[in-house]
Protein backbone atom coordinates (compact mmCIF):
# COMPACT_ATOMS: atom_id res chain seq x y z
CA UNK A 1 148.13 108.34 242.57
CA UNK A 2 151.81 107.59 242.10
CA UNK A 3 150.97 105.73 238.89
CA UNK A 4 149.02 108.64 237.47
CA UNK A 5 151.64 111.20 238.49
CA UNK A 6 154.40 109.04 237.04
CA UNK A 7 152.70 109.20 233.66
CA UNK A 8 151.96 112.92 233.98
CA UNK A 9 155.41 113.97 235.19
CA UNK A 10 157.27 111.89 232.63
CA UNK A 11 155.21 113.49 229.85
CA UNK A 12 155.44 116.99 231.29
CA UNK A 13 159.14 116.95 232.14
CA UNK A 14 160.73 115.04 229.28
CA UNK A 15 158.24 115.28 226.44
CA UNK A 16 159.52 118.69 225.28
CA UNK A 17 162.99 117.19 224.76
CA UNK A 18 161.44 114.21 223.01
CA UNK A 19 159.62 116.52 220.61
CA UNK A 20 162.64 118.70 219.84
CA UNK A 21 165.56 116.27 220.10
CA UNK A 22 163.99 113.04 218.86
CA UNK A 23 161.18 114.16 216.52
CA UNK A 24 163.02 117.35 215.49
CA UNK A 25 160.02 119.65 215.84
CA UNK A 26 160.58 123.40 215.92
CA UNK A 27 159.97 125.41 219.08
CA UNK A 28 156.58 126.72 217.85
CA UNK A 29 155.47 123.21 216.96
CA UNK A 30 156.61 121.95 220.34
CA UNK A 31 154.67 124.73 222.08
CA UNK A 32 151.56 123.89 220.08
CA UNK A 33 151.80 120.20 220.97
CA UNK A 34 152.44 120.92 224.66
CA UNK A 35 149.38 123.18 224.86
CA UNK A 36 147.44 119.91 224.72
CA UNK A 37 148.39 119.39 228.37
CA UNK A 38 146.16 122.29 229.41
CA UNK A 39 143.26 121.31 227.20
CA UNK A 40 143.40 117.65 228.22
CA UNK A 41 143.83 118.50 231.88
CA UNK A 42 140.86 120.85 231.90
CA UNK A 43 138.56 118.39 230.14
CA UNK A 44 139.76 115.51 232.31
CA UNK A 45 139.10 117.32 235.58
CA UNK A 46 135.62 118.41 234.52
CA UNK A 47 134.07 115.76 232.30
CA UNK A 48 135.13 112.39 233.69
CA UNK A 49 134.54 113.07 237.42
CA UNK A 50 131.05 114.36 236.55
CA UNK A 51 130.50 111.19 234.57
CA UNK A 52 131.65 109.14 237.56
CA UNK A 53 128.84 110.63 239.64
CA UNK A 54 126.39 108.85 237.32
CA UNK A 55 128.26 105.75 236.16
CA UNK A 56 130.31 105.11 239.27
CA UNK A 57 133.92 105.72 240.21
CA UNK A 58 135.26 102.28 239.33
CA UNK A 59 133.94 102.08 235.73
CA UNK A 60 135.17 105.60 234.97
CA UNK A 61 138.58 104.83 236.50
CA UNK A 62 138.89 101.64 234.44
CA UNK A 63 137.83 103.50 231.29
CA UNK A 64 140.33 106.25 232.09
CA UNK A 65 143.26 103.88 232.62
CA UNK A 66 142.52 102.06 229.37
CA UNK A 67 141.96 105.34 227.51
CA UNK A 68 145.22 106.81 228.81
CA UNK A 69 147.14 103.64 227.87
CA UNK A 70 145.69 103.48 224.36
CA UNK A 71 146.41 107.12 223.61
CA UNK A 72 149.87 106.93 225.19
CA UNK A 73 150.74 104.05 222.85
CA UNK A 74 149.40 106.04 219.89
CA UNK A 75 151.38 109.06 221.06
CA UNK A 76 154.58 107.02 221.27
CA UNK A 77 154.04 105.67 217.75
CA UNK A 78 153.31 109.03 216.14
CA UNK A 79 156.01 110.69 214.11
CA UNK A 80 156.62 114.42 213.73
CA UNK A 81 152.98 115.28 213.04
CA UNK A 82 152.07 118.16 215.41
CA UNK A 83 148.31 117.80 214.97
CA UNK A 84 148.28 114.09 215.78
CA UNK A 85 150.76 114.58 218.63
CA UNK A 86 148.52 117.32 220.04
CA UNK A 87 145.43 115.12 219.76
CA UNK A 88 147.00 112.04 221.34
CA UNK A 89 148.68 114.03 224.12
CA UNK A 90 145.43 115.84 224.90
CA UNK A 91 143.46 112.58 225.07
CA UNK A 92 146.15 110.83 227.12
CA UNK A 93 146.16 113.63 229.65
CA UNK A 94 142.37 113.97 229.66
CA UNK A 95 142.28 110.47 231.10
CA UNK A 96 145.33 110.94 233.36
CA UNK A 97 143.90 114.13 234.92
CA UNK A 98 140.57 112.33 235.29
CA UNK A 99 142.28 109.65 237.38
CA UNK A 100 144.22 112.20 239.43
CA UNK A 101 141.06 114.15 240.19
CA UNK A 102 139.05 111.07 241.12
CA UNK A 103 141.86 109.59 243.23
CA UNK A 104 142.58 112.74 245.23
CA UNK A 105 138.94 113.71 245.61
CA UNK A 106 136.07 111.25 245.69
CA UNK A 107 137.97 107.97 246.01
CA UNK A 108 140.06 109.18 248.94
CA UNK A 109 137.26 111.05 250.68
CA UNK A 110 134.56 108.41 250.19
CA UNK A 111 136.78 105.56 251.39
CA UNK A 112 137.25 106.78 254.96
CA UNK A 113 135.10 108.14 257.80
CA UNK A 114 134.21 111.83 257.46
CA UNK A 115 136.72 112.95 260.09
CA UNK A 116 139.59 111.42 258.07
CA UNK A 117 138.69 112.78 254.61
CA UNK A 118 141.30 115.54 254.58
CA UNK A 119 143.99 113.25 255.96
CA UNK A 120 143.20 110.57 253.39
CA UNK A 121 143.52 113.03 250.51
CA UNK A 122 146.73 114.44 252.00
CA UNK A 123 148.32 111.01 252.33
CA UNK A 124 147.36 110.11 248.77
CA UNK A 125 148.76 113.37 247.40
CA UNK A 126 151.92 113.07 249.52
CA UNK A 127 152.74 109.54 248.42
CA UNK A 128 151.91 110.35 244.81
CA UNK A 129 154.08 113.46 244.77
CA UNK A 130 157.09 111.88 246.46
CA UNK A 131 157.18 108.80 244.26
CA UNK A 132 155.34 109.81 241.10
CA UNK A 133 156.59 113.38 241.11
CA UNK A 134 160.04 112.83 242.65
CA UNK A 135 161.34 109.36 241.87
CA UNK A 136 159.71 108.81 238.46
CA UNK A 137 161.53 111.70 236.73
CA UNK A 138 164.85 110.34 237.98
CA UNK A 139 164.04 106.93 236.53
CA UNK A 140 162.81 108.54 233.29
CA UNK A 141 166.05 110.52 233.05
CA UNK A 142 168.04 107.34 233.48
CA UNK A 143 166.00 105.62 230.78
CA UNK A 144 166.44 108.58 228.42
CA UNK A 145 170.19 108.76 229.00
CA UNK A 146 170.97 105.05 228.78
CA UNK A 147 168.38 103.73 226.33
CA UNK A 148 167.12 106.77 224.43
CA UNK A 149 164.51 109.43 225.05
CA UNK A 150 162.02 107.61 222.82
CA UNK A 151 161.61 105.01 225.61
CA UNK A 152 160.44 107.41 228.33
CA UNK A 153 156.81 106.76 227.48
CA UNK A 154 157.33 103.11 228.37
CA UNK A 155 157.69 104.21 231.99
CA UNK A 156 154.31 105.95 231.79
CA UNK A 157 152.78 102.85 230.22
CA UNK A 158 154.17 100.59 232.97
CA UNK A 159 152.77 102.97 235.59
CA UNK A 160 149.36 102.81 233.90
CA UNK A 161 149.50 99.00 233.81
CA UNK A 162 150.21 98.88 237.55
CA UNK A 163 147.45 101.43 238.10
CA UNK A 164 145.01 99.27 236.13
CA UNK A 165 145.63 96.32 238.46
CA UNK A 166 144.96 98.55 241.47
CA UNK A 167 141.90 100.08 239.80
CA UNK A 168 140.40 96.66 239.13
CA UNK A 169 140.52 96.05 242.91
CA UNK A 170 138.61 99.24 243.78
CA UNK A 171 135.31 99.12 245.62
CA UNK A 172 132.64 101.42 244.28
CA UNK A 173 132.31 104.60 246.37
CA UNK A 174 129.92 106.77 244.32
CA UNK A 175 126.91 107.49 246.57
CA UNK A 176 124.43 107.32 243.70
CA UNK A 177 125.73 103.89 242.65
CA UNK A 178 125.81 102.61 246.22
CA UNK A 179 122.17 103.60 246.77
CA UNK A 180 121.17 101.83 243.52
CA UNK A 181 122.87 98.52 244.39
CA UNK A 182 120.37 97.24 247.01
CA UNK A 183 117.47 98.05 244.65
CA UNK A 184 119.15 96.09 241.85
CA UNK A 185 119.67 93.08 244.14
CA UNK A 186 116.04 93.12 245.32
CA UNK A 187 114.63 93.08 241.78
């Protein structure tokens, strides 16, 4: 969770300055580009978790990490083109919100006994918010001040790379996939 929130908070907090100060977009253009956060977030919280019910949590998480990383790199390499910036930001955050939703919800809840589901989600959110939402912006601010605001997305990319390693170690928790596994082994 702290990896996903690091990427989200860095983009949400410092991306407006990146658009205006580094890419020299106007305020209306910046607003248009940033509206992608809402579109991507909505799609990511609806589409990918539903897909994970069928395909499994782990494959969707891996796809989401890779998707977020690819579109974050494309976003970082895009010049002052509002339409492309909107598209890449929306797709990056579609995958980031997908991972946040899956981590806080099904992955946390399905990984512990029923009586600990709420606690597990709370611990995951707490750790993610303190480090990803509290420490990451401080680090991003340091990077922006000392190296240039164009490098803030590197922090999000590093967080995604660490998250990919963790995601590769996940055990499948989707009930539909778990029920299908013994049948696949028997045949």
